Amino acid sequence: MATIDNKGRVRGTAGSVVYRTYRDKNIIQGKPAKFKQTQESIKTSTEFGLSSSTAAIIRQAFEPAYLHRDGTAVSRSTQLVYRSIRNGFSGSVGERDLHDADLSHLNGMEFNADSKLSEVLQMSHQVEQDSEGRVRVKLGSLNTQSGIKRPKGLSAGKLKYRVRLMLVAFNFREEYYEHLEVKDVDFGSYETVDEQAVCFDSIPSPSGILMLSMSLLVYNAIGLDEEAILINSKEFSPCAIIGAFQSTTASDRPKAAVNQCAANYPVEQGNLHHMVYVGNLLMLGLGLRIDLHGSTASKTAQKVNLTARLNETSSGITLGQRVSFKK
């Protein structure tokens, strides 16, 4: 059933037509037709569903860094994760996850395409990892007058800036992520920031995937005491992933649903977060879905002996006699 919302837009289904809204546009489309699935299409859909769930976890983990994302961030991040897994180094379709992926496709992933970090902040960066897993970031010099694209309508006079680096570890096979460290670099308007190195002290678990984000927070000093007010918004909130490192010793693939009890995790609760992640369940159920498809596809029509069928139907009937459906 289709309904009209308080903005006068039609939503829902009317017969074979679907009404929906996307980015303030009313879209009318036909219902998707059913198609016959094959084993390969089942595997591909499983992998895409896993990619979608993985991307959702990444967005959830970095929300404190990007604050506001644009409307296409969901599809964009899902496509990048899907591409990373498809170009992975191990595993077959439907039986691999981000621990098998080529994470280079995630480097530079923007959370807000309306204010891309690469366009707003002209500060070079180089991310390295030492032999023990510690992360180090080399930040280039910055002239704040020419190297920052300010939000529209704001003068540089009372603006203050903060470059935030957030390091997060992910373990999709044990279904948790951990905020390891946050490092901030603060500076004001009309300053020149020298080249510097930012070092993280955390030694991550070898089973975890590391991702590092870089974001720009802008504050406006107001009032007599010049209190700094954060002015990041949906229109201006630059943040991107600038580093991603694969787990060196990935955990075993779960053979059953993961028990999310604190005692099952390798470190104490604190910055650990449970994942609402369905990727493992999708892979665990892949074999069953393929078996169900095989059993359905094996039901082929039996050959009919036309002569015997005609003999059966010709007995006990009277040609030309009308028979009611209700009989």
C-alpha atoms as a PDB file:
ATOM      1  CA  MET A   1       0.000   0.000   0.000  1.00  0.00           C
ATOM      2  CA  ALA A   2       1.308   3.438  -0.933  1.00  0.00           C
ATOM      3  CA  THR A   3       0.886   6.435   1.366  1.00  0.00           C
ATOM      4  CA  ILE A   4       1.521  10.174   1.142  1.00  0.00           C
ATOM      5  CA  ASP A   5       3.862  11.571   3.790  1.00  0.00           C
ATOM      6  CA  ASN A   6       3.663  15.012   5.410  1.00  0.00           C
ATOM      7  CA  LYS A   7       5.794  16.483   2.607  1.00  0.00           C
ATOM      8  CA  GLY A   8       3.382  15.326  -0.100  1.00  0.00           C
ATOM      9  CA  ARG A   9       5.634  12.520  -1.357  1.00  0.00           C
ATOM     10  CA  VAL A  10       4.260   9.088  -2.219  1.00  0.00           C
ATOM     11  CA  ARG A  11       5.890   6.122  -0.475  1.00  0.00           C
ATOM     12  CA  GLY A  12       5.219   2.401  -0.662  1.00  0.00           C
ATOM     13  CA  THR A  13       3.816  -0.042  -3.205  1.00  0.00           C
ATOM     14  CA  ALA A  14       0.758   0.292  -5.419  1.00  0.00           C
ATOM     15  CA  GLY A  15       0.223  -2.815  -7.516  1.00  0.00           C
ATOM     16  CA  SER A  16       3.398  -3.477  -9.500  1.00  0.00           C
ATOM     17  CA  VAL A  17       4.764   0.038  -8.910  1.00  0.00           C
ATOM     18  CA  VAL A  18       7.094   1.053  -6.069  1.00  0.00           C
ATOM     19  CA  TYR A  19       7.255   4.680  -4.899  1.00  0.00           C
ATOM     20  CA  ARG A  20      10.307   5.757  -2.903  1.00  0.00           C
ATOM     21  CA  THR A  21      12.300   8.869  -2.036  1.00  0.00           C
ATOM     22  CA  TYR A  22      16.023   9.319  -2.643  1.00  0.00           C
ATOM     23  CA  ARG A  23      17.853  12.551  -1.838  1.00  0.00           C
ATOM     24  CA  ASP A  24      14.660  14.663  -1.947  1.00  0.00           C
ATOM     25  CA  LYS A  25      13.546  13.091  -5.244  1.00  0.00           C
ATOM     26  CA  ASN A  26      10.386  11.021  -5.645  1.00  0.00           C
ATOM     27  CA  ILE A  27      11.235   7.895  -7.661  1.00  0.00           C
ATOM     28  CA  ILE A  28       8.742   5.538  -9.314  1.00  0.00           C
ATOM     29  CA  GLN A  29       9.938   2.109 -10.402  1.00  0.00           C
ATOM     30  CA  GLY A  30       8.579  -1.337 -11.149  1.00  0.00           C
ATOM     31  CA  LYS A  31       8.916  -4.212  -8.737  1.00  0.00           C
ATOM     32  CA  PRO A  32      12.079  -6.233  -9.399  1.00  0.00           C
ATOM     33  CA  ALA A  33      11.332  -9.485 -11.179  1.00  0.00           C
ATOM     34  CA  LYS A  34      12.300 -12.786  -9.641  1.00  0.00           C
ATOM     35  CA  PHE A  35      15.218 -14.570 -11.264  1.00  0.00           C
ATOM     36  CA  LYS A  36      16.578 -18.051 -11.102  1.00  0.00           C
ATOM     37  CA  GLN A  37      19.583 -18.208  -8.780  1.00  0.00           C
ATOM     38  CA  THR A  38      22.658 -20.278  -9.473  1.00  0.00           C
ATOM     39  CA  GLN A  39      25.335 -21.391  -7.036  1.00  0.00           C
ATOM     40  CA  GLU A  40      27.588 -18.578  -8.255  1.00  0.00           C
ATOM     41  CA  SER A  41      24.899 -15.924  -7.825  1.00  0.00           C
ATOM     42  CA  ILE A  42      24.234 -17.196  -4.280  1.00  0.00           C
ATOM     43  CA  LYS A  43      27.951 -16.912  -3.475  1.00  0.00           C
ATOM     44  CA  THR A  44      28.162 -13.426  -5.001  1.00  0.00           C
ATOM     45  CA  SER A  45      25.122 -12.161  -3.090  1.00  0.00           C
ATOM     46  CA  THR A  46      26.587 -13.610   0.120  1.00  0.00           C
ATOM     47  CA  GLU A  47      29.839 -11.734  -0.466  1.00  0.00           C
ATOM     48  CA  PHE A  48      28.042  -8.474  -1.194  1.00  0.00           C
ATOM     49  CA  GLY A  49      25.930  -8.844   1.953  1.00  0.00           C
ATOM     50  CA  LEU A  50      29.106  -9.470   3.956  1.00  0.00           C
ATOM     51  CA  SER A  51      30.686  -6.360   2.388  1.00  0.00           C
ATOM     52  CA  SER A  52      27.666  -4.255   3.309  1.00  0.00           C
ATOM     53  CA  SER A  53      27.785  -5.439   6.925  1.00  0.00           C
ATOM     54  CA  THR A  54      31.561  -4.869   7.081  1.00  0.00           C
ATOM     55  CA  ALA A  55      31.254  -1.314   5.742  1.00  0.00           C
ATOM     56  CA  ALA A  56      28.543  -0.550   8.309  1.00  0.00           C
ATOM     57  CA  ILE A  57      30.893  -1.608  11.125  1.00  0.00           C
ATOM     58  CA  ILE A  58      33.689   0.596   9.762  1.00  0.00           C
ATOM     59  CA  ARG A  59      31.347   3.598   9.584  1.00  0.00           C
ATOM     60  CA  GLN A  60      30.140   2.900  13.123  1.00  0.00           C
ATOM     61  CA  ALA A  61      33.682   2.677  14.495  1.00  0.00           C
ATOM     62  CA  PHE A  62      34.822   5.945  12.896  1.00  0.00           C
ATOM     63  CA  GLU A  63      31.693   7.972  13.648  1.00  0.00           C
ATOM     64  CA  PRO A  64      33.445   9.829  16.525  1.00  0.00           C
ATOM     65  CA  ALA A  65      36.029  10.932  13.953  1.00  0.00           C
ATOM     66  CA  TYR A  66      33.909  11.996  10.987  1.00  0.00           C
ATOM     67  CA  LEU A  67      30.894  13.266  13.021  1.00  0.00           C
ATOM     68  CA  HIS A  68      28.799  13.903   9.886  1.00  0.00           C
ATOM     69  CA  ARG A  69      28.750  11.838   6.682  1.00  0.00           C
ATOM     70  CA  ASP A  70      27.138  12.581   3.338  1.00  0.00           C
ATOM     71  CA  GLY A  71      24.158  10.701   1.898  1.00  0.00           C
ATOM     72  CA  THR A  72      26.196   8.484  -0.429  1.00  0.00           C
ATOM     73  CA  ALA A  73      28.734   7.340   2.175  1.00  0.00           C
ATOM     74  CA  VAL A  74      26.867   4.050   2.719  1.00  0.00           C
ATOM     75  CA  SER A  75      26.991   2.898  -0.901  1.00  0.00           C
ATOM     76  CA  ARG A  76      30.481   4.316  -1.441  1.00  0.00           C
ATOM     77  CA  SER A  77      32.020   2.528   1.550  1.00  0.00           C
ATOM     78  CA  THR A  78      30.217  -0.731   0.680  1.00  0.00           C
ATOM     79  CA  GLN A  79      31.597  -0.648  -2.861  1.00  0.00           C
ATOM     80  CA  LEU A  80      35.151  -0.016  -1.625  1.00  0.00           C
ATOM     81  CA  VAL A  81      34.959  -2.877   0.884  1.00  0.00           C
ATOM     82  CA  TYR A  82      33.486  -5.153  -1.798  1.00  0.00           C
ATOM     83  CA  ARG A  83      36.321  -4.219  -4.165  1.00  0.00           C
ATOM     84  CA  SER A  84      38.898  -4.909  -1.443  1.00  0.00           C
ATOM     85  CA  ILE A  85      37.487  -8.388  -0.793  1.00  0.00           C
ATOM     86  CA  ARG A  86      37.140  -9.242  -4.502  1.00  0.00           C
ATOM     87  CA  ASN A  87      40.792  -8.326  -5.028  1.00  0.00           C
ATOM     88  CA  GLY A  88      41.905 -10.274  -1.949  1.00  0.00           C
ATOM     89  CA  PHE A  89      44.865 -12.572  -1.722  1.00  0.00           C
ATOM     90  CA  SER A  90      43.106 -15.688  -0.455  1.00  0.00           C
ATOM     91  CA  GLY A  91      39.712 -17.347  -0.124  1.00  0.00           C
ATOM     92  CA  SER A  92      37.032 -18.034  -2.706  1.00  0.00           C
ATOM     93  CA  VAL A  93      33.839 -16.131  -3.500  1.00  0.00           C
ATOM     94  CA  GLY A  94      31.401 -16.266  -0.601  1.00  0.00           C
ATOM     95  CA  GLU A  95      34.002 -17.764   1.727  1.00  0.00           C
ATOM     96  CA  ARG A  96      36.285 -14.776   2.388  1.00  0.00           C
ATOM     97  CA  ASP A  97      36.115 -11.609   4.461  1.00  0.00           C
ATOM     98  CA  LEU A  98      38.105  -8.431   5.093  1.00  0.00           C
ATOM     99  CA  HIS A  99      40.927 -10.459   6.671  1.00  0.00           C
ATOM    100  CA  ASP A 100      41.542 -11.896   3.182  1.00  0.00           C
ATOM    101  CA  ALA A 101      41.215  -8.542   1.408  1.00  0.00           C
ATOM    102  CA  ASP A 102      43.548  -6.102  -0.315  1.00  0.00           C
ATOM    103  CA  LEU A 103      43.144  -3.144   2.039  1.00  0.00           C
ATOM    104  CA  SER A 104      44.871  -0.682  -0.286  1.00  0.00           C
ATOM    105  CA  HIS A 105      41.442   0.037  -1.806  1.00  0.00           C
ATOM    106  CA  LEU A 106      40.328   1.529   1.535  1.00  0.00           C
ATOM    107  CA  ASN A 107      43.141   4.074   1.707  1.00  0.00           C
ATOM    108  CA  GLY A 108      41.696   7.491   0.952  1.00  0.00           C
ATOM    109  CA  MET A 109      38.084   6.473   1.620  1.00  0.00           C
ATOM    110  CA  GLU A 110      36.184   9.706   2.321  1.00  0.00           C
ATOM    111  CA  PHE A 111      33.338   9.731   4.829  1.00  0.00           C
ATOM    112  CA  ASN A 112      31.936  13.031   3.563  1.00  0.00           C
ATOM    113  CA  ALA A 113      32.137  13.684  -0.170  1.00  0.00           C
ATOM    114  CA  ASP A 114      30.704  17.188   0.328  1.00  0.00           C
ATOM    115  CA  SER A 115      33.908  18.223   2.139  1.00  0.00           C
ATOM    116  CA  LYS A 116      36.669  15.856   1.093  1.00  0.00           C
ATOM    117  CA  LEU A 117      39.703  15.845   3.362  1.00  0.00           C
ATOM    118  CA  SER A 118      41.986  15.687   0.316  1.00  0.00           C
ATOM    119  CA  GLU A 119      40.506  18.976  -0.944  1.00  0.00           C
ATOM    120  CA  VAL A 120      39.995  20.827   2.348  1.00  0.00           C
ATOM    121  CA  LEU A 121      43.326  20.135   4.079  1.00  0.00           C
ATOM    122  CA  GLN A 122      46.553  20.512   2.112  1.00  0.00           C
ATOM    123  CA  MET A 123      48.728  18.649   4.609  1.00  0.00           C
ATOM    124  CA  SER A 124      50.723  15.700   3.338  1.00  0.00           C
ATOM    125  CA  HIS A 125      50.858  12.507   5.380  1.00  0.00           C
ATOM    126  CA  GLN A 126      52.758   9.247   5.307  1.00  0.00           C
ATOM    127  CA  VAL A 127      51.699   6.279   7.442  1.00  0.00           C
ATOM    128  CA  GLU A 128      54.148   3.578   8.497  1.00  0.00           C
ATOM    129  CA  GLN A 129      54.067   0.500  10.722  1.00  0.00           C
ATOM    130  CA  ASP A 130      57.110  -0.877  12.518  1.00  0.00           C
ATOM    131  CA  SER A 131      58.004  -4.530  13.076  1.00  0.00           C
ATOM    132  CA  GLU A 132      56.021  -4.657  16.349  1.00  0.00           C
ATOM    133  CA  GLY A 133      52.892  -3.194  14.761  1.00  0.00           C
ATOM    134  CA  ARG A 134      53.131   0.358  16.129  1.00  0.00           C
ATOM    135  CA  VAL A 135      51.881   3.056  13.759  1.00  0.00           C
ATOM    136  CA  ARG A 136      53.734   6.264  12.959  1.00  0.00           C
ATOM    137  CA  VAL A 137      52.441   9.185  10.892  1.00  0.00           C
ATOM    138  CA  LYS A 138      54.619  11.809   9.223  1.00  0.00           C
ATOM    139  CA  LEU A 139      52.696  15.055   8.764  1.00  0.00           C
ATOM    140  CA  GLY A 140      53.957  17.663   6.332  1.00  0.00           C
ATOM    141  CA  SER A 141      54.148  21.391   6.984  1.00  0.00           C
ATOM    142  CA  LEU A 142      51.034  23.543   6.635  1.00  0.00           C
ATOM    143  CA  ASN A 143      50.331  27.209   6.031  1.00  0.00           C
ATOM    144  CA  THR A 144      46.873  27.649   7.543  1.00  0.00           C
ATOM    145  CA  GLN A 145      46.049  30.672   5.380  1.00  0.00           C
ATOM    146  CA  SER A 146      46.528  28.880   2.077  1.00  0.00           C
ATOM    147  CA  GLY A 147      46.419  25.197   3.063  1.00  0.00           C
ATOM    148  CA  ILE A 148      42.904  25.023   4.532  1.00  0.00           C
ATOM    149  CA  LYS A 149      39.648  25.534   2.660  1.00  0.00           C
ATOM    150  CA  ARG A 150      37.416  27.112   5.296  1.00  0.00           C
ATOM    151  CA  PRO A 151      33.645  26.643   5.577  1.00  0.00           C
ATOM    152  CA  LYS A 152      31.692  29.187   3.564  1.00  0.00           C
ATOM    153  CA  GLY A 153      30.883  32.472   5.269  1.00  0.00           C
ATOM    154  CA  LEU A 154      33.571  32.238   7.956  1.00  0.00           C
ATOM    155  CA  SER A 155      36.593  34.484   8.240  1.00  0.00           C
ATOM    156  CA  ALA A 156      39.871  33.074   9.438  1.00  0.00           C
ATOM    157  CA  GLY A 157      40.217  35.590  12.276  1.00  0.00           C
ATOM    158  CA  LYS A 158      38.893  33.579  15.212  1.00  0.00           C
ATOM    159  CA  LEU A 159      39.051  30.051  13.834  1.00  0.00           C
ATOM    160  CA  LYS A 160      40.983  27.291  15.555  1.00  0.00           C
ATOM    161  CA  TYR A 161      41.818  23.944  14.003  1.00  0.00           C
ATOM    162  CA  ARG A 162      42.413  20.412  15.202  1.00  0.00           C
ATOM    163  CA  VAL A 163      43.739  17.558  13.083  1.00  0.00           C
ATOM    164  CA  ARG A 164      42.558  14.328  14.696  1.00  0.00           C
ATOM    165  CA  LEU A 165      44.142  10.934  14.069  1.00  0.00           C
ATOM    166  CA  MET A 166      42.128   7.927  15.279  1.00  0.00           C
ATOM    167  CA  LEU A 167      43.502   4.376  15.309  1.00  0.00           C
ATOM    168  CA  VAL A 168      41.011   1.491  15.369  1.00  0.00           C
ATOM    169  CA  ALA A 169      41.582  -2.285  15.415  1.00  0.00           C
ATOM    170  CA  PHE A 170      39.007  -4.659  13.888  1.00  0.00           C
ATOM    171  CA  ASN A 171      38.577  -8.406  14.294  1.00  0.00           C
ATOM    172  CA  PHE A 172      35.649  -9.478  12.135  1.00  0.00           C
ATOM    173  CA  ARG A 173      36.064 -13.169  12.932  1.00  0.00           C
ATOM    174  CA  GLU A 174      35.760 -12.587  16.682  1.00  0.00           C
ATOM    175  CA  GLU A 175      33.287  -9.740  16.054  1.00  0.00           C
ATOM    176  CA  TYR A 176      34.717  -6.795  17.958  1.00  0.00           C
ATOM    177  CA  TYR A 177      36.537  -3.557  17.266  1.00  0.00           C
ATOM    178  CA  GLU A 178      38.654  -1.433  19.581  1.00  0.00           C
ATOM    179  CA  HIS A 179      39.472   2.269  19.635  1.00  0.00           C
ATOM    180  CA  LEU A 180      43.190   2.083  20.366  1.00  0.00           C
ATOM    181  CA  GLU A 181      44.351   5.710  20.437  1.00  0.00           C
ATOM    182  CA  VAL A 182      43.442   9.242  19.412  1.00  0.00           C
ATOM    183  CA  LYS A 183      46.088  11.887  18.705  1.00  0.00           C
ATOM    184  CA  ASP A 184      45.313  15.572  18.139  1.00  0.00           C
ATOM    185  CA  VAL A 185      47.367  18.335  16.553  1.00  0.00           C
ATOM    186  CA  ASP A 186      46.035  21.828  17.385  1.00  0.00           C
ATOM    187  CA  PHE A 187      46.830  25.143  15.724  1.00  0.00           C
ATOM    188  CA  GLY A 188      45.237  28.523  15.137  1.00  0.00           C
ATOM    189  CA  SER A 189      44.656  30.793  12.176  1.00  0.00           C
ATOM    190  CA  TYR A 190      47.603  32.574  10.563  1.00  0.00           C
ATOM    191  CA  GLU A 191      50.013  29.898  11.806  1.00  0.00           C
ATOM    192  CA  THR A 192      52.566  27.853   9.965  1.00  0.00           C
ATOM    193  CA  VAL A 193      52.690  24.272  11.205  1.00  0.00           C
ATOM    194  CA  ASP A 194      56.061  22.577  10.907  1.00  0.00           C
ATOM    195  CA  GLU A 195      56.582  19.059   9.641  1.00  0.00           C
ATOM    196  CA  GLN A 196      56.205  16.564  12.492  1.00  0.00           C
ATOM    197  CA  ALA A 197      55.803  12.894  13.373  1.00  0.00           C
ATOM    198  CA  VAL A 198      52.913  11.474  15.400  1.00  0.00           C
ATOM    199  CA  CYS A 199      53.626   8.124  17.056  1.00  0.00           C
ATOM    200  CA  PHE A 200      51.064   5.702  18.477  1.00  0.00           C
ATOM    201  CA  ASP A 201      52.159   3.612  21.442  1.00  0.00           C
ATOM    202  CA  SER A 202      49.654   0.767  21.090  1.00  0.00           C
ATOM    203  CA  ILE A 203      50.965  -2.639  20.067  1.00  0.00           C
ATOM    204  CA  PRO A 204      47.915  -4.210  18.420  1.00  0.00           C
ATOM    205  CA  SER A 205      46.932  -7.852  18.440  1.00  0.00           C
ATOM    206  CA  PRO A 206      48.297  -9.677  15.370  1.00  0.00           C
ATOM    207  CA  SER A 207      44.764 -10.915  14.648  1.00  0.00           C
ATOM    208  CA  GLY A 208      43.408  -7.391  14.210  1.00  0.00           C
ATOM    209  CA  ILE A 209      43.095  -5.193  11.137  1.00  0.00           C
ATOM    210  CA  LEU A 210      44.335  -1.643  11.788  1.00  0.00           C
ATOM    211  CA  MET A 211      42.736   1.423  10.241  1.00  0.00           C
ATOM    212  CA  LEU A 212      43.747   5.035  10.780  1.00  0.00           C
ATOM    213  CA  SER A 213      41.523   8.019  10.079  1.00  0.00           C
ATOM    214  CA  MET A 214      42.439  11.676   9.727  1.00  0.00           C
ATOM    215  CA  SER A 215      39.855  14.396  10.259  1.00  0.00           C
ATOM    216  CA  LEU A 216      39.760  18.175  10.516  1.00  0.00           C
ATOM    217  CA  LEU A 217      37.790  19.798  13.325  1.00  0.00           C
ATOM    218  CA  VAL A 218      37.126  23.540  13.078  1.00  0.00           C
ATOM    219  CA  TYR A 219      36.267  25.715  16.086  1.00  0.00           C
ATOM    220  CA  ASN A 220      35.019  29.294  16.159  1.00  0.00           C
ATOM    221  CA  ALA A 221      35.973  31.477  19.118  1.00  0.00           C
ATOM    222  CA  ILE A 222      32.942  33.435  20.305  1.00  0.00           C
ATOM    223  CA  GLY A 223      32.065  35.697  23.228  1.00  0.00           C
ATOM    224  CA  LEU A 224      34.267  37.764  25.497  1.00  0.00           C
ATOM    225  CA  ASP A 225      36.075  34.695  26.759  1.00  0.00           C
ATOM    226  CA  GLU A 226      36.458  33.421  23.154  1.00  0.00           C
ATOM    227  CA  GLU A 227      35.017  30.022  23.973  1.00  0.00           C
ATOM    228  CA  ALA A 228      35.768  27.557  21.158  1.00  0.00           C
ATOM    229  CA  ILE A 229      32.599  26.142  19.557  1.00  0.00           C
ATOM    230  CA  LEU A 230      32.834  23.199  17.154  1.00  0.00           C
ATOM    231  CA  ILE A 231      31.287  24.196  13.819  1.00  0.00           C
ATOM    232  CA  ASN A 232      31.605  20.946  11.861  1.00  0.00           C
ATOM    233  CA  SER A 233      28.329  20.111  10.123  1.00  0.00           C
ATOM    234  CA  LYS A 234      26.891  17.801   7.493  1.00  0.00           C
ATOM    235  CA  GLU A 235      28.090  20.261   4.843  1.00  0.00           C
ATOM    236  CA  PHE A 236      31.600  20.515   6.334  1.00  0.00           C
ATOM    237  CA  SER A 237      33.136  17.576   8.168  1.00  0.00           C
ATOM    238  CA  PRO A 238      36.291  16.334   6.400  1.00  0.00           C
ATOM    239  CA  CYS A 239      37.474  12.835   7.332  1.00  0.00           C
ATOM    240  CA  ALA A 240      39.126   9.964   5.478  1.00  0.00           C
ATOM    241  CA  ILE A 241      40.951   6.714   6.110  1.00  0.00           C
ATOM    242  CA  ILE A 242      44.650   7.338   5.484  1.00  0.00           C
ATOM    243  CA  GLY A 243      46.068   3.966   6.509  1.00  0.00           C
ATOM    244  CA  ALA A 244      44.936   0.334   6.621  1.00  0.00           C
ATOM    245  CA  PHE A 245      47.073  -2.628   7.702  1.00  0.00           C
ATOM    246  CA  GLN A 246      46.113  -6.263   7.335  1.00  0.00           C
ATOM    247  CA  SER A 247      46.174  -8.655  10.296  1.00  0.00           C
ATOM    248  CA  THR A 248      49.422 -10.622  10.392  1.00  0.00           C
ATOM    249  CA  THR A 249      47.863 -13.706  12.021  1.00  0.00           C
ATOM    250  CA  ALA A 250      44.136 -13.747  11.401  1.00  0.00           C
ATOM    251  CA  SER A 251      41.837 -15.595  13.784  1.00  0.00           C
ATOM    252  CA  ASP A 252      40.298 -18.866  12.627  1.00  0.00           C
ATOM    253  CA  ARG A 253      36.993 -18.617  10.853  1.00  0.00           C
ATOM    254  CA  PRO A 254      34.149 -19.246  13.310  1.00  0.00           C
ATOM    255  CA  LYS A 255      32.403 -22.609  12.966  1.00  0.00           C
ATOM    256  CA  ALA A 256      29.341 -21.416  14.874  1.00  0.00           C
ATOM    257  CA  ALA A 257      27.735 -18.126  15.877  1.00  0.00           C
ATOM    258  CA  VAL A 258      30.204 -15.993  17.856  1.00  0.00           C
ATOM    259  CA  ASN A 259      29.479 -15.856  21.597  1.00  0.00           C
ATOM    260  CA  GLN A 260      29.813 -12.175  22.465  1.00  0.00           C
ATOM    261  CA  CYS A 261      30.609 -12.587  26.151  1.00  0.00           C
ATOM    262  CA  ALA A 262      33.346 -10.373  27.568  1.00  0.00           C
ATOM    263  CA  ALA A 263      35.250 -13.430  28.794  1.00  0.00           C
ATOM    264  CA  ASN A 264      35.700 -14.616  25.208  1.00  0.00           C
ATOM    265  CA  TYR A 265      37.649 -11.536  24.168  1.00  0.00           C
ATOM    266  CA  PRO A 266      41.450 -11.358  24.417  1.00  0.00           C
ATOM    267  CA  VAL A 267      41.622  -8.018  26.260  1.00  0.00           C
ATOM    268  CA  GLU A 268      39.649  -6.310  28.994  1.00  0.00           C
ATOM    269  CA  GLN A 269      36.483  -4.417  28.199  1.00  0.00           C
ATOM    270  CA  GLY A 270      36.961  -0.684  27.903  1.00  0.00           C
ATOM    271  CA  ASN A 271      37.350   0.582  24.380  1.00  0.00           C
ATOM    272  CA  LEU A 272      36.063  -2.725  23.003  1.00  0.00           C
ATOM    273  CA  HIS A 273      32.789  -2.695  21.124  1.00  0.00           C
ATOM    274  CA  HIS A 274      30.590  -5.585  20.031  1.00  0.00           C
ATOM    275  CA  MET A 275      29.830  -5.721  16.330  1.00  0.00           C
ATOM    276  CA  VAL A 276      26.335  -6.029  14.950  1.00  0.00           C
ATOM    277  CA  TYR A 277      27.951  -8.011  12.142  1.00  0.00           C
ATOM    278  CA  VAL A 278      26.252 -10.664  10.006  1.00  0.00           C
ATOM    279  CA  GLY A 279      29.170 -11.603   7.762  1.00  0.00           C
ATOM    280  CA  ASN A 280      30.101 -14.742   9.702  1.00  0.00           C
ATOM    281  CA  LEU A 281      26.490 -15.957   9.787  1.00  0.00           C
ATOM    282  CA  LEU A 282      26.199 -15.391   6.034  1.00  0.00           C
ATOM    283  CA  MET A 283      29.269 -17.533   5.376  1.00  0.00           C
ATOM    284  CA  LEU A 284      28.131 -20.210   7.837  1.00  0.00           C
ATOM    285  CA  GLY A 285      24.775 -20.457   6.075  1.00  0.00           C
ATOM    286  CA  LEU A 286      26.179 -20.453   2.536  1.00  0.00           C
ATOM    287  CA  GLY A 287      26.387 -24.244   2.260  1.00  0.00           C
ATOM    288  CA  LEU A 288      22.799 -24.665   3.418  1.00  0.00           C
ATOM    289  CA  ARG A 289      21.511 -22.113   0.897  1.00  0.00           C
ATOM    290  CA  ILE A 290      23.372 -23.859  -1.922  1.00  0.00           C
ATOM    291  CA  ASP A 291      22.039 -27.264  -0.812  1.00  0.00           C
ATOM    292  CA  LEU A 292      18.477 -25.924  -0.719  1.00  0.00           C
ATOM    293  CA  HIS A 293      18.927 -24.472  -4.186  1.00  0.00           C
ATOM    294  CA  GLY A 294      20.305 -27.794  -5.446  1.00  0.00           C
ATOM    295  CA  SER A 295      17.412 -29.796  -4.029  1.00  0.00           C
ATOM    296  CA  THR A 296      14.918 -27.415  -5.651  1.00  0.00           C
ATOM    297  CA  ALA A 297      16.699 -27.383  -8.995  1.00  0.00           C
ATOM    298  CA  SER A 298      16.859 -31.202  -9.081  1.00  0.00           C
ATOM    299  CA  LYS A 299      13.078 -31.455  -9.249  1.00  0.00           C
ATOM    300  CA  THR A 300      12.768 -31.805 -13.040  1.00  0.00           C
ATOM    301  CA  ALA A 301       9.584 -32.558 -14.878  1.00  0.00           C
ATOM    302  CA  GLN A 302       9.005 -36.252 -15.597  1.00  0.00           C
ATOM    303  CA  LYS A 303       8.299 -37.404 -19.123  1.00  0.00           C
ATOM    304  CA  VAL A 304       4.630 -38.054 -19.791  1.00  0.00           C
ATOM    305  CA  ASN A 305       3.320 -41.018 -21.796  1.00  0.00           C
ATOM    306  CA  LEU A 306       0.782 -39.178 -23.942  1.00  0.00           C
ATOM    307  CA  THR A 307      -1.000 -42.321 -25.098  1.00  0.00           C
ATOM    308  CA  ALA A 308      -1.570 -43.535 -21.531  1.00  0.00           C
ATOM    309  CA  ARG A 309      -2.693 -40.073 -20.453  1.00  0.00           C
ATOM    310  CA  LEU A 310      -5.233 -39.871 -23.271  1.00  0.00           C
ATOM    311  CA  ASN A 311      -6.584 -43.271 -22.381  1.00  0.00           C
ATOM    312  CA  GLU A 312      -6.955 -42.163 -18.736  1.00  0.00           C
ATOM    313  CA  THR A 313      -8.746 -38.939 -19.571  1.00  0.00           C
ATOM    314  CA  SER A 314     -11.053 -40.496 -22.135  1.00  0.00           C
ATOM    315  CA  SER A 315     -12.556 -42.928 -19.637  1.00  0.00           C
ATOM    316  CA  GLY A 316     -15.542 -41.772 -17.616  1.00  0.00           C
ATOM    317  CA  ILE A 317     -16.178 -38.533 -19.508  1.00  0.00           C
ATOM    318  CA  THR A 318     -18.854 -37.392 -21.923  1.00  0.00           C
ATOM    319  CA  LEU A 319     -17.708 -35.156 -24.756  1.00  0.00           C
ATOM    320  CA  GLY A 320     -19.673 -31.937 -25.097  1.00  0.00           C
ATOM    321  CA  GLN A 321     -21.014 -32.005 -21.531  1.00  0.00           C
ATOM    322  CA  ARG A 322     -20.484 -28.860 -19.490  1.00  0.00           C
ATOM    323  CA  VAL A 323     -19.162 -29.462 -15.966  1.00  0.00           C
ATOM    324  CA  SER A 324     -19.364 -26.799 -13.268  1.00  0.00           C
ATOM    325  CA  PHE A 325     -16.129 -25.722 -11.496  1.00  0.00           C
ATOM    326  CA  LYS A 326     -17.957 -26.195  -8.213  1.00  0.00           C
ATOM    327  CA  LYS A 327     -18.437 -29.898  -8.747  1.00  0.00           C
END
